Amino acid sequence: MKQPAPSLLPLLRSSTQGELLAVLYLHPDEQYSLTTLADRVRTSVPTVAREADRLAGAGLITENRAGNQRLIRANTDTPLFRPLADLLALTFGPLPVLTESLKSVPGVEEAYIYGSWAARYRNEPGTVPADVDVLVVGTADLDQLYQIAEDAQRHLLRPVNIRRVRSEAWHSDRGDPFLADVRGRPRVRLELDQDEA
């Protein structure tokens, strides 16, 4: 079944393509195995391999081999690098940037992007989100979360708002209207427990 064009950036063929490009272009100094990328964007290795073939053919990525592993990275020498990286930061960027920023923060039990960005990610129609809203569940230090929001804002070229709630409040059935709204609307869980290969 063919996927619709992603609401975050309808110029792309699929959300998988957008997520893959965002990981590569927003971490241009890193090279990734196909297996690592498949884990990061929650798809199969053959799907990543097909996308990598297309991107390599267009000169958007470079690749090399380490044993039997195919390692790829963003091609920073193409004139498309900077404009494409900026476009990906504005659209698919929140997922890889915030995952990387929050995965090693003590006290973060769960984290979600919610609001208009999550709605576009889940293919609800609408305008380009003006900001990115993040809910952190746990006891993480607020000053550290605010610093992460400031750093992410520079990468994502828009305001990033992080709100922390305690685990008991997030998992409670009591009627906090804000949490009820976040639970009832589209949200995207950040996969913070992945090991990098």
Foldseek 3Di string as FASTA:
>chain_A
DQDQQFQLDSVDRHVLLLLLCLLQLLCQVDKAWLVLSCVLSVHDSVVSVVSVVVCVVVVQKDWDDDVPTIIIHGDPPDPCRVVVQLSSLQGVNVQVLVLVLPLPFPFFPWKKKFDPNLCSRVVNHDDRDQEIEMETETDGDPVSVVVSQVVSCVSSVHGYHYDYDYPCVLPDPDDDPVSVVRVVGGMGIHPSPDDGD
